Amino acid sequence: MTISQVSALTSSQLALDSYPGKPVPTGWIAVATYSPSTPGGKHAGGPTSADGLSDSVTVFATTSDGITANGQNFVVGFKGTKNAADGWSDLTNGGSDAWNSIKSSAAAAWIDVSSNNLNANVATVGDSLSGGMAQSFALLHQVNGYRFSSLPISPAAQLDISTSYGSVSAAISQWKVHNPFIFLHQDGDFTTAFF
């Protein structure tokens, strides 16, 4: 199964690559990582240990031309639950704290990809907490995506989506016309016991 020319296997690998120290699948590069804790808001390449436990978004591309190559495939990957504070946010407010922390970085990533790549195929990926953020990003920007054992869309993201589209259901209706979002469940995932 593929969407935006990205297979489920590649998508799951890129979801993991949103964390430091993971090898990017053959044919893909990590173009830039966006984080509120990074000076200037972003750095070239994938996440590093310097990003630590901060929330981040990594843009992956299918060519070595990076973020200015028109017509290629992009995946926007979200880093998910990283520490006890994120786990607490998952359980107490459905990931709203994490969404509020990362949404400006995600917006910067979207501006870089969409303004330079008018014909690009864009998908978003995430697992667990980041799956909820990936769904939110997909609805806000009307793109495809994969989520793995995902949290639901957080209340904070629902408010942002409603502000942009009038309601979450209106955004979903518009999004469903052209954009698939594939949910894959991972047996034994901690998150799915609660959501």
Protein backbone atom coordinates (compact mmCIF):
# COMPACT_ATOMS: atom_id res chain seq x y z
CA MET A 1 0.00 0.00 0.00
CA THR A 2 1.39 3.40 -0.93
CA ILE A 3 0.31 7.01 -0.78
CA SER A 4 2.27 9.91 -2.26
CA GLN A 5 4.70 7.34 -3.65
CA VAL A 6 5.69 6.27 -0.12
CA SER A 7 5.24 2.65 0.94
CA ALA A 8 4.07 1.65 4.42
CA LEU A 9 7.50 0.13 5.10
CA THR A 10 9.39 3.27 4.09
CA SER A 11 6.92 5.38 6.03
CA SER A 12 7.49 3.34 9.19
CA GLN A 13 11.26 3.66 8.73
CA LEU A 14 10.96 7.43 8.30
CA ALA A 15 8.80 7.65 11.44
CA LEU A 16 11.69 6.05 13.35
CA ASP A 17 14.19 8.29 11.55
CA SER A 18 12.53 11.28 13.19
CA TYR A 19 14.62 10.32 16.22
CA PRO A 20 18.44 10.79 16.41
CA GLY A 21 20.83 8.09 15.28
CA LYS A 22 18.62 6.15 12.87
CA PRO A 23 19.70 5.37 9.28
CA VAL A 24 17.51 6.86 6.54
CA PRO A 25 16.15 4.33 3.99
CA THR A 26 17.96 4.00 0.66
CA GLY A 27 16.83 6.68 -1.79
CA TRP A 28 15.86 9.15 0.93
CA ILE A 29 17.70 11.98 2.66
CA ALA A 30 16.95 13.96 5.80
CA VAL A 31 16.80 17.52 4.45
CA ALA A 32 16.23 19.55 7.62
CA THR A 33 15.09 19.24 11.21
CA TYR A 34 12.90 21.94 12.74
CA SER A 35 12.76 22.44 16.50
CA PRO A 36 11.84 25.29 18.85
CA SER A 37 15.03 24.57 20.84
CA THR A 38 17.37 24.88 17.81
CA PRO A 39 18.96 28.30 17.21
CA GLY A 40 17.26 29.73 14.13
CA GLY A 41 14.51 27.11 14.41
CA LYS A 42 16.08 24.52 12.10
CA HIS A 43 19.30 22.83 11.01
CA ALA A 44 20.30 20.86 7.94
CA GLY A 45 20.00 17.09 8.02
CA GLY A 46 18.26 14.74 10.38
CA PRO A 47 17.80 14.93 14.12
CA THR A 48 20.97 14.85 16.19
CA SER A 49 21.77 14.19 19.82
CA ALA A 50 22.03 17.98 20.20
CA ASP A 51 18.26 18.10 19.61
CA GLY A 52 17.96 16.05 22.79
CA LEU A 53 14.47 15.53 24.09
CA SER A 54 12.97 18.58 22.40
CA ASP A 55 10.03 18.27 20.05
CA SER A 56 11.07 18.28 16.41
CA VAL A 57 9.88 17.77 12.86
CA THR A 58 12.16 16.32 10.17
CA VAL A 59 11.61 16.75 6.44
CA PHE A 60 12.77 13.81 4.32
CA ALA A 61 13.08 13.93 0.52
CA THR A 62 13.66 11.42 -2.27
CA THR A 63 16.48 13.27 -4.01
CA SER A 64 19.78 14.76 -3.00
CA ASP A 65 18.65 18.13 -4.32
CA GLY A 66 17.06 18.85 -0.96
CA ILE A 67 14.18 21.12 -0.22
CA THR A 68 14.32 23.16 -3.45
CA ALA A 69 13.88 20.27 -5.90
CA ASN A 70 10.48 20.62 -7.56
CA GLY A 71 8.38 17.52 -8.16
CA GLN A 72 9.81 15.06 -5.67
CA ASN A 73 8.38 13.20 -2.70
CA PHE A 74 8.57 14.66 0.79
CA VAL A 75 7.71 13.12 4.14
CA VAL A 76 7.28 15.29 7.21
CA GLY A 77 8.13 13.14 10.22
CA PHE A 78 7.24 14.02 13.80
CA LYS A 79 9.19 12.92 16.86
CA GLY A 80 6.78 11.45 19.42
CA THR A 81 6.80 10.63 23.12
CA LYS A 82 10.33 11.12 24.42
CA ASN A 83 10.06 11.52 28.17
CA ALA A 84 7.77 11.37 31.19
CA ALA A 85 6.41 14.86 30.55
CA ASP A 86 5.24 13.81 27.08
CA GLY A 87 3.71 10.66 28.56
CA TRP A 88 1.85 12.78 31.09
CA SER A 89 0.63 15.10 28.30
CA ASP A 90 -0.50 12.02 26.33
CA LEU A 91 -2.62 10.84 29.23
CA THR A 92 -3.92 14.13 30.66
CA ASN A 93 -4.57 16.32 27.63
CA GLY A 94 -4.32 14.03 24.62
CA GLY A 95 -0.98 15.49 23.51
CA SER A 96 -2.06 19.15 23.48
CA ASP A 97 1.14 20.29 25.21
CA ALA A 98 3.26 18.51 22.60
CA TRP A 99 1.19 19.93 19.72
CA ASN A 100 1.47 23.47 21.09
CA SER A 101 5.23 23.00 21.45
CA ILE A 102 5.80 21.78 17.89
CA LYS A 103 3.19 23.52 15.74
CA SER A 104 5.34 26.57 14.89
CA SER A 105 8.20 24.27 13.82
CA ALA A 106 5.76 22.21 11.73
CA ALA A 107 4.46 25.40 10.12
CA ALA A 108 8.04 26.44 9.22
CA ALA A 109 8.66 23.02 7.65
CA TRP A 110 5.43 23.33 5.64
CA ILE A 111 6.38 26.80 4.36
CA ASP A 112 9.81 25.55 3.23
CA VAL A 113 8.37 22.50 1.43
CA SER A 114 5.24 24.05 -0.08
CA SER A 115 6.76 27.34 -1.24
CA ASN A 116 9.62 25.66 -3.10
CA ASN A 117 7.90 22.55 -4.46
CA LEU A 118 4.64 23.23 -6.23
CA ASN A 119 4.42 19.74 -7.76
CA ALA A 120 5.70 17.78 -4.78
CA ASN A 121 3.99 14.78 -3.25
CA VAL A 122 3.84 15.39 0.50
CA ALA A 123 2.98 12.90 3.20
CA THR A 124 3.31 12.99 6.96
CA VAL A 125 4.24 10.21 9.37
CA GLY A 126 4.23 9.57 13.08
CA ASP A 127 3.76 6.91 15.70
CA SER A 128 2.02 7.13 19.06
CA LEU A 129 2.03 10.81 20.15
CA SER A 130 3.61 11.90 16.87
CA GLY A 131 0.88 10.02 14.97
CA GLY A 132 -1.65 12.43 16.47
CA MET A 133 0.55 15.33 15.40
CA ALA A 134 0.94 13.83 11.90
CA GLN A 135 -2.86 13.58 11.57
CA SER A 136 -3.21 17.19 12.71
CA PHE A 137 -0.62 18.37 10.17
CA ALA A 138 -2.32 16.36 7.42
CA LEU A 139 -5.67 18.00 8.11
CA LEU A 140 -4.25 21.52 8.44
CA HIS A 141 -2.35 21.26 5.16
CA GLN A 142 -4.57 18.76 3.32
CA VAL A 143 -1.82 16.19 2.67
CA ASN A 144 -1.56 12.39 2.86
CA GLY A 145 -0.10 10.45 5.73
CA TYR A 146 0.59 7.36 7.77
CA ARG A 147 0.10 6.94 11.50
CA PHE A 148 1.27 4.04 13.59
CA SER A 149 -0.60 3.16 16.82
CA SER A 150 -1.57 6.79 17.05
CA LEU A 151 -3.08 9.06 19.64
CA PRO A 152 -6.16 10.91 18.41
CA ILE A 153 -5.93 14.54 17.30
CA SER A 154 -5.31 16.61 20.43
CA PRO A 155 -7.84 19.16 21.71
CA ALA A 156 -5.33 21.97 20.97
CA ALA A 157 -4.90 20.78 17.38
CA GLN A 158 -8.68 20.46 16.99
CA LEU A 159 -8.96 24.14 17.94
CA ASP A 160 -6.31 25.10 15.35
CA ILE A 161 -8.03 23.01 12.66
CA SER A 162 -11.44 24.50 13.51
CA THR A 163 -9.96 28.00 13.29
CA SER A 164 -8.66 27.26 9.79
CA TYR A 165 -11.65 25.31 8.40
CA GLY A 166 -14.63 26.27 10.54
CA SER A 167 -14.76 22.84 12.18
CA VAL A 168 -12.78 19.63 12.37
CA SER A 169 -15.52 17.79 10.45
CA ALA A 170 -15.33 20.39 7.63
CA ALA A 171 -11.54 19.89 7.41
CA ILE A 172 -12.00 16.11 7.33
CA SER A 173 -14.67 16.33 4.62
CA GLN A 174 -12.45 18.51 2.45
CA TRP A 175 -9.37 16.39 3.14
CA LYS A 176 -11.08 13.06 2.32
CA VAL A 177 -11.72 14.16 -1.26
CA HIS A 178 -8.06 13.80 -2.27
CA ASN A 179 -6.00 12.54 0.66
CA PRO A 180 -5.70 9.10 2.19
CA PHE A 181 -4.39 8.62 5.69
CA ILE A 182 -3.39 5.09 6.57
CA PHE A 183 -3.55 3.78 10.12
CA LEU A 184 -1.33 0.86 11.02
CA HIS A 185 -1.61 -0.70 14.47
CA GLN A 186 1.45 -2.05 16.26
CA ASP A 187 0.54 -4.82 18.68
CA GLY A 188 1.66 -4.11 22.23
CA ASP A 189 2.02 -0.36 21.74
CA PHE A 190 1.53 1.36 25.10
CA THR A 191 -0.57 4.17 23.63
CA THR A 192 -3.30 2.01 22.14
CA ALA A 193 -4.19 0.69 25.58
CA PHE A 194 -5.56 4.17 26.40
CA PHE A 195 -6.92 5.47 23.08
